[in-house]
Amino acid sequence: MSTETADQQRSAVGRVLMVLALVLVFCLGVALAFTNTEHVTVDLLVAEFSGPLIFWMVIELLIVVVIMLAVSALRVARLKRQIKRQSRQIKDQEAELKNLRNLPIHDV
């Protein structure tokens, strides 16, 4: 069996496992929604809202996802800047090394 075929099989198994995990999470979410239908009141100090518990849980999840995406985006941007800075440093050091190699050697 070639490595390409083995990689394709691993990729297919990974996709199947991912789909199964997503279906499981979806089913758990639906079960959670059906078991949390009672109305609750959310007091935000300046306003009060009422709605089903699952609605507030989904809103909370969405807020957390947005915050995590923002934090991740900031981290990725910082890492990209760091990569650019280090690439410039490498380029400068390679140029300096090339210049040093071209200098004649003087005996002391």
N, C-alpha and C. Protein backbone atom coordinates (compact mmCIF):
# COMPACT_ATOMS: atom_id res chain seq x y z
N MET A 1 0.85 -1.16 0.00
CA MET A 1 0.00 0.00 0.00
C MET A 1 0.90 1.24 0.00
N SER A 2 0.62 2.16 -0.89
CA SER A 2 1.44 3.36 -0.97
C SER A 2 1.04 4.35 0.12
N THR A 3 1.94 5.29 0.38
CA THR A 3 1.65 6.27 1.42
C THR A 3 0.50 7.17 1.01
N GLU A 4 0.33 7.40 -0.29
CA GLU A 4 -0.77 8.24 -0.76
C GLU A 4 -2.12 7.59 -0.44
N THR A 5 -2.22 6.30 -0.64
CA THR A 5 -3.46 5.59 -0.35
C THR A 5 -3.71 5.57 1.16
N ALA A 6 -2.67 5.37 1.94
CA ALA A 6 -2.81 5.37 3.40
C ALA A 6 -3.26 6.74 3.89
N ASP A 7 -2.69 7.80 3.30
CA ASP A 7 -3.09 9.16 3.68
C ASP A 7 -4.55 9.42 3.31
N GLN A 8 -4.98 8.93 2.18
CA GLN A 8 -6.38 9.11 1.77
C GLN A 8 -7.31 8.37 2.71
N GLN A 9 -6.91 7.16 3.14
CA GLN A 9 -7.75 6.39 4.06
C GLN A 9 -7.83 7.08 5.42
N ARG A 10 -6.69 7.59 5.91
CA ARG A 10 -6.70 8.31 7.18
C ARG A 10 -7.56 9.56 7.08
N SER A 11 -7.49 10.24 5.94
CA SER A 11 -8.28 11.44 5.73
C SER A 11 -9.77 11.10 5.72
N ALA A 12 -10.13 9.99 5.05
CA ALA A 12 -11.53 9.58 5.00
C ALA A 12 -12.03 9.20 6.38
N VAL A 13 -11.22 8.48 7.14
CA VAL A 13 -11.60 8.09 8.51
C VAL A 13 -11.76 9.34 9.37
N GLY A 14 -10.87 10.29 9.21
CA GLY A 14 -10.96 11.54 9.96
C GLY A 14 -12.24 12.30 9.65
N ARG A 15 -12.62 12.33 8.37
CA ARG A 15 -13.86 13.00 7.99
C ARG A 15 -15.07 12.31 8.59
N VAL A 16 -15.07 10.99 8.56
CA VAL A 16 -16.20 10.23 9.12
C VAL A 16 -16.30 10.49 10.63
N LEU A 17 -15.16 10.47 11.32
CA LEU A 17 -15.17 10.75 12.76
C LEU A 17 -15.65 12.17 13.05
N MET A 18 -15.26 13.12 12.22
CA MET A 18 -15.69 14.51 12.40
C MET A 18 -17.20 14.64 12.22
N VAL A 19 -17.73 13.98 11.19
CA VAL A 19 -19.18 14.01 10.96
C VAL A 19 -19.91 13.37 12.13
N LEU A 20 -19.41 12.25 12.61
CA LEU A 20 -20.04 11.58 13.76
C LEU A 20 -20.01 12.48 15.00
N ALA A 21 -18.90 13.15 15.22
CA ALA A 21 -18.79 14.05 16.36
C ALA A 21 -19.77 15.22 16.23
N LEU A 22 -19.89 15.77 15.02
CA LEU A 22 -20.84 16.87 14.81
C LEU A 22 -22.28 16.42 15.02
N VAL A 23 -22.62 15.23 14.54
CA VAL A 23 -23.97 14.69 14.73
C VAL A 23 -24.23 14.49 16.22
N LEU A 24 -23.26 13.96 16.94
CA LEU A 24 -23.41 13.75 18.38
C LEU A 24 -23.63 15.07 19.11
N VAL A 25 -22.83 16.07 18.78
CA VAL A 25 -22.97 17.38 19.42
C VAL A 25 -24.32 17.99 19.09
N PHE A 26 -24.76 17.85 17.83
CA PHE A 26 -26.07 18.38 17.44
C PHE A 26 -27.19 17.70 18.23
N CYS A 27 -27.12 16.38 18.34
CA CYS A 27 -28.14 15.64 19.09
C CYS A 27 -28.15 16.05 20.56
N LEU A 28 -26.98 16.22 21.15
CA LEU A 28 -26.91 16.69 22.53
C LEU A 28 -27.50 18.09 22.68
N GLY A 29 -27.25 18.94 21.69
CA GLY A 29 -27.82 20.28 21.71
C GLY A 29 -29.33 20.27 21.63
N VAL A 30 -29.86 19.42 20.77
CA VAL A 30 -31.32 19.31 20.66
C VAL A 30 -31.90 18.77 21.96
N ALA A 31 -31.26 17.77 22.56
CA ALA A 31 -31.74 17.23 23.83
C ALA A 31 -31.68 18.30 24.91
N LEU A 32 -30.62 19.10 24.93
CA LEU A 32 -30.50 20.19 25.89
C LEU A 32 -31.60 21.21 25.68
N ALA A 33 -31.91 21.50 24.43
CA ALA A 33 -32.96 22.48 24.13
C ALA A 33 -34.32 22.00 24.62
N PHE A 34 -34.62 20.73 24.44
CA PHE A 34 -35.92 20.21 24.87
C PHE A 34 -36.05 20.11 26.39
N THR A 35 -34.92 19.96 27.08
CA THR A 35 -35.00 19.84 28.54
C THR A 35 -34.90 21.18 29.25
N ASN A 36 -34.55 22.26 28.54
CA ASN A 36 -34.40 23.57 29.16
C ASN A 36 -35.35 24.58 28.52
N THR A 37 -36.64 24.33 28.63
CA THR A 37 -37.63 25.22 28.00
C THR A 37 -38.24 26.21 28.98
N GLU A 38 -37.95 26.11 30.27
CA GLU A 38 -38.56 27.03 31.22
C GLU A 38 -38.05 28.46 30.99
N HIS A 39 -38.92 29.42 31.28
CA HIS A 39 -38.57 30.83 31.08
C HIS A 39 -37.76 31.33 32.28
N VAL A 40 -36.75 32.13 31.96
CA VAL A 40 -35.92 32.75 33.00
C VAL A 40 -35.83 34.23 32.70
N THR A 41 -35.51 34.99 33.72
CA THR A 41 -35.34 36.44 33.57
C THR A 41 -33.87 36.76 33.76
N VAL A 42 -33.32 37.51 32.81
CA VAL A 42 -31.93 37.93 32.86
C VAL A 42 -31.91 39.41 33.22
N ASP A 43 -31.27 39.75 34.34
CA ASP A 43 -31.19 41.12 34.81
C ASP A 43 -29.80 41.66 34.49
N LEU A 44 -29.72 42.68 33.64
CA LEU A 44 -28.44 43.27 33.23
C LEU A 44 -28.18 44.61 33.92
N LEU A 45 -28.75 44.81 35.09
CA LEU A 45 -28.63 46.02 35.90
C LEU A 45 -29.39 47.21 35.31
N VAL A 46 -29.36 47.38 34.01
CA VAL A 46 -30.06 48.50 33.38
C VAL A 46 -31.32 48.04 32.64
N ALA A 47 -31.41 46.76 32.40
CA ALA A 47 -32.59 46.22 31.70
C ALA A 47 -32.82 44.79 32.14
N GLU A 48 -34.03 44.34 31.95
CA GLU A 48 -34.40 42.99 32.31
C GLU A 48 -35.04 42.32 31.10
N PHE A 49 -34.59 41.09 30.81
CA PHE A 49 -35.11 40.36 29.66
C PHE A 49 -35.61 39.00 30.13
N SER A 50 -36.65 38.50 29.46
CA SER A 50 -37.20 37.20 29.81
C SER A 50 -37.24 36.34 28.56
N GLY A 51 -36.95 35.06 28.74
CA GLY A 51 -36.99 34.14 27.61
C GLY A 51 -36.64 32.74 28.05
N PRO A 52 -36.72 31.79 27.13
CA PRO A 52 -36.38 30.40 27.48
C PRO A 52 -34.90 30.28 27.85
N LEU A 53 -34.60 29.38 28.75
CA LEU A 53 -33.22 29.18 29.21
C LEU A 53 -32.29 28.82 28.06
N ILE A 54 -32.73 27.97 27.15
CA ILE A 54 -31.86 27.57 26.04
C ILE A 54 -31.51 28.76 25.16
N PHE A 55 -32.43 29.70 25.00
CA PHE A 55 -32.15 30.91 24.22
C PHE A 55 -30.97 31.67 24.84
N TRP A 56 -31.00 31.84 26.16
CA TRP A 56 -29.92 32.57 26.82
C TRP A 56 -28.61 31.78 26.79
N MET A 57 -28.71 30.46 26.81
CA MET A 57 -27.51 29.64 26.71
C MET A 57 -26.88 29.78 25.32
N VAL A 58 -27.70 29.82 24.28
CA VAL A 58 -27.18 29.98 22.92
C VAL A 58 -26.57 31.37 22.74
N ILE A 59 -27.24 32.39 23.29
CA ILE A 59 -26.70 33.76 23.22
C ILE A 59 -25.34 33.81 23.91
N GLU A 60 -25.23 33.20 25.07
CA GLU A 60 -23.96 33.16 25.79
C GLU A 60 -22.88 32.46 24.97
N LEU A 61 -23.24 31.34 24.35
CA LEU A 61 -22.29 30.60 23.51
C LEU A 61 -21.81 31.48 22.36
N LEU A 62 -22.74 32.17 21.71
CA LEU A 62 -22.36 33.03 20.58
C LEU A 62 -21.44 34.17 21.03
N ILE A 63 -21.71 34.75 22.18
CA ILE A 63 -20.85 35.82 22.70
C ILE A 63 -19.45 35.29 22.98
N VAL A 64 -19.36 34.12 23.58
CA VAL A 64 -18.06 33.52 23.88
C VAL A 64 -17.31 33.21 22.58
N VAL A 65 -18.01 32.70 21.58
CA VAL A 65 -17.37 32.38 20.30
C VAL A 65 -16.81 33.66 19.65
N VAL A 66 -17.60 34.73 19.67
CA VAL A 66 -17.13 35.99 19.08
C VAL A 66 -15.92 36.51 19.83
N ILE A 67 -15.93 36.45 21.15
CA ILE A 67 -14.78 36.92 21.94
C ILE A 67 -13.55 36.07 21.64
N MET A 68 -13.72 34.76 21.57
CA MET A 68 -12.58 33.89 21.29
C MET A 68 -12.03 34.12 19.89
N LEU A 69 -12.90 34.37 18.92
CA LEU A 69 -12.43 34.67 17.56
C LEU A 69 -11.63 35.97 17.55
N ALA A 70 -12.09 36.97 18.28
CA ALA A 70 -11.36 38.24 18.35
C ALA A 70 -10.00 38.05 19.01
N VAL A 71 -9.95 37.31 20.10
CA VAL A 71 -8.68 37.06 20.78
C VAL A 71 -7.74 36.28 19.87
N SER A 72 -8.26 35.28 19.17
CA SER A 72 -7.44 34.49 18.26
C SER A 72 -6.92 35.33 17.10
N ALA A 73 -7.77 36.21 16.58
CA ALA A 73 -7.35 37.08 15.47
C ALA A 73 -6.22 38.00 15.92
N LEU A 74 -6.33 38.53 17.13
CA LEU A 74 -5.25 39.39 17.64
C LEU A 74 -3.95 38.61 17.78
N ARG A 75 -4.04 37.39 18.26
CA ARG A 75 -2.85 36.55 18.43
C ARG A 75 -2.22 36.24 17.08
N VAL A 76 -3.04 35.90 16.10
CA VAL A 76 -2.53 35.59 14.76
C VAL A 76 -1.85 36.81 14.15
N ALA A 77 -2.47 37.98 14.32
CA ALA A 77 -1.87 39.21 13.80
C ALA A 77 -0.51 39.48 14.45
N ARG A 78 -0.43 39.28 15.77
CA ARG A 78 0.84 39.49 16.47
C ARG A 78 1.90 38.51 15.99
N LEU A 79 1.52 37.26 15.79
CA LEU A 79 2.47 36.26 15.31
C LEU A 79 2.94 36.56 13.89
N LYS A 80 2.03 37.07 13.04
CA LYS A 80 2.42 37.44 11.68
C LYS A 80 3.42 38.58 11.69
N ARG A 81 3.18 39.57 12.57
CA ARG A 81 4.15 40.67 12.69
C ARG A 81 5.50 40.15 13.15
N GLN A 82 5.49 39.22 14.08
CA GLN A 82 6.73 38.63 14.58
C GLN A 82 7.45 37.88 13.46
N ILE A 83 6.73 37.15 12.64
CA ILE A 83 7.34 36.43 11.52
C ILE A 83 7.98 37.41 10.54
N LYS A 84 7.27 38.50 10.22
CA LYS A 84 7.83 39.50 9.30
C LYS A 84 9.10 40.11 9.87
N ARG A 85 9.06 40.46 11.18
CA ARG A 85 10.24 41.06 11.81
C ARG A 85 11.42 40.08 11.79
N GLN A 86 11.17 38.82 12.09
CA GLN A 86 12.25 37.84 12.10
C GLN A 86 12.75 37.55 10.69
N SER A 87 11.87 37.59 9.70
CA SER A 87 12.30 37.40 8.31
C SER A 87 13.23 38.54 7.89
N ARG A 88 12.88 39.77 8.29
CA ARG A 88 13.76 40.92 7.98
C ARG A 88 15.11 40.75 8.67
N GLN A 89 15.10 40.29 9.92
CA GLN A 89 16.36 40.09 10.64
C GLN A 89 17.21 39.03 9.95
N ILE A 90 16.60 37.96 9.51
CA ILE A 90 17.34 36.90 8.81
C ILE A 90 17.92 37.44 7.51
N LYS A 91 17.13 38.20 6.79
CA LYS A 91 17.60 38.78 5.52
C LYS A 91 18.80 39.70 5.76
N ASP A 92 18.70 40.55 6.80
CA ASP A 92 19.81 41.46 7.14
C ASP A 92 21.05 40.68 7.56
N GLN A 93 20.87 39.63 8.34
CA GLN A 93 22.01 38.84 8.80
C GLN A 93 22.65 38.07 7.64
N GLU A 94 21.84 37.59 6.70
CA GLU A 94 22.40 36.91 5.53
C GLU A 94 23.20 37.88 4.68
N ALA A 95 22.69 39.11 4.53
CA ALA A 95 23.43 40.12 3.77
C ALA A 95 24.74 40.46 4.47
N GLU A 96 24.72 40.60 5.79
CA GLU A 96 25.93 40.89 6.55
C GLU A 96 26.93 39.74 6.43
N LEU A 97 26.46 38.52 6.49
CA LEU A 97 27.33 37.36 6.34
C LEU A 97 27.97 37.33 4.96
N LYS A 98 27.18 37.63 3.94
CA LYS A 98 27.72 37.66 2.57
C LYS A 98 28.80 38.73 2.45
N ASN A 99 28.56 39.90 3.06
CA ASN A 99 29.57 40.97 3.04
C ASN A 99 30.84 40.55 3.78
N LEU A 100 30.69 39.87 4.90
CA LEU A 100 31.85 39.43 5.67
C LEU A 100 32.64 38.37 4.91
N ARG A 101 31.95 37.53 4.16
CA ARG A 101 32.64 36.51 3.37
C ARG A 101 33.46 37.13 2.24
N ASN A 102 33.01 38.27 1.75
CA ASN A 102 33.70 38.93 0.64
C ASN A 102 34.87 39.79 1.09
N LEU A 103 35.03 40.03 2.39
CA LEU A 103 36.15 40.81 2.89
C LEU A 103 37.45 40.02 2.78
N PRO A 104 38.52 40.68 2.40
CA PRO A 104 39.80 39.97 2.35
C PRO A 104 40.30 39.70 3.78
N ILE A 105 41.00 38.60 3.91
CA ILE A 105 41.55 38.20 5.21
C ILE A 105 42.94 38.81 5.34
N HIS A 106 43.16 39.56 6.42
CA HIS A 106 44.47 40.19 6.69
C HIS A 106 45.13 39.46 7.84
N ASP A 107 46.38 39.09 7.65
CA ASP A 107 47.12 38.46 8.74
C ASP A 107 47.59 39.50 9.70
N VAL A 108 47.48 39.24 10.96
CA VAL A 108 47.88 40.19 11.99
C VAL A 108 49.26 39.83 12.47
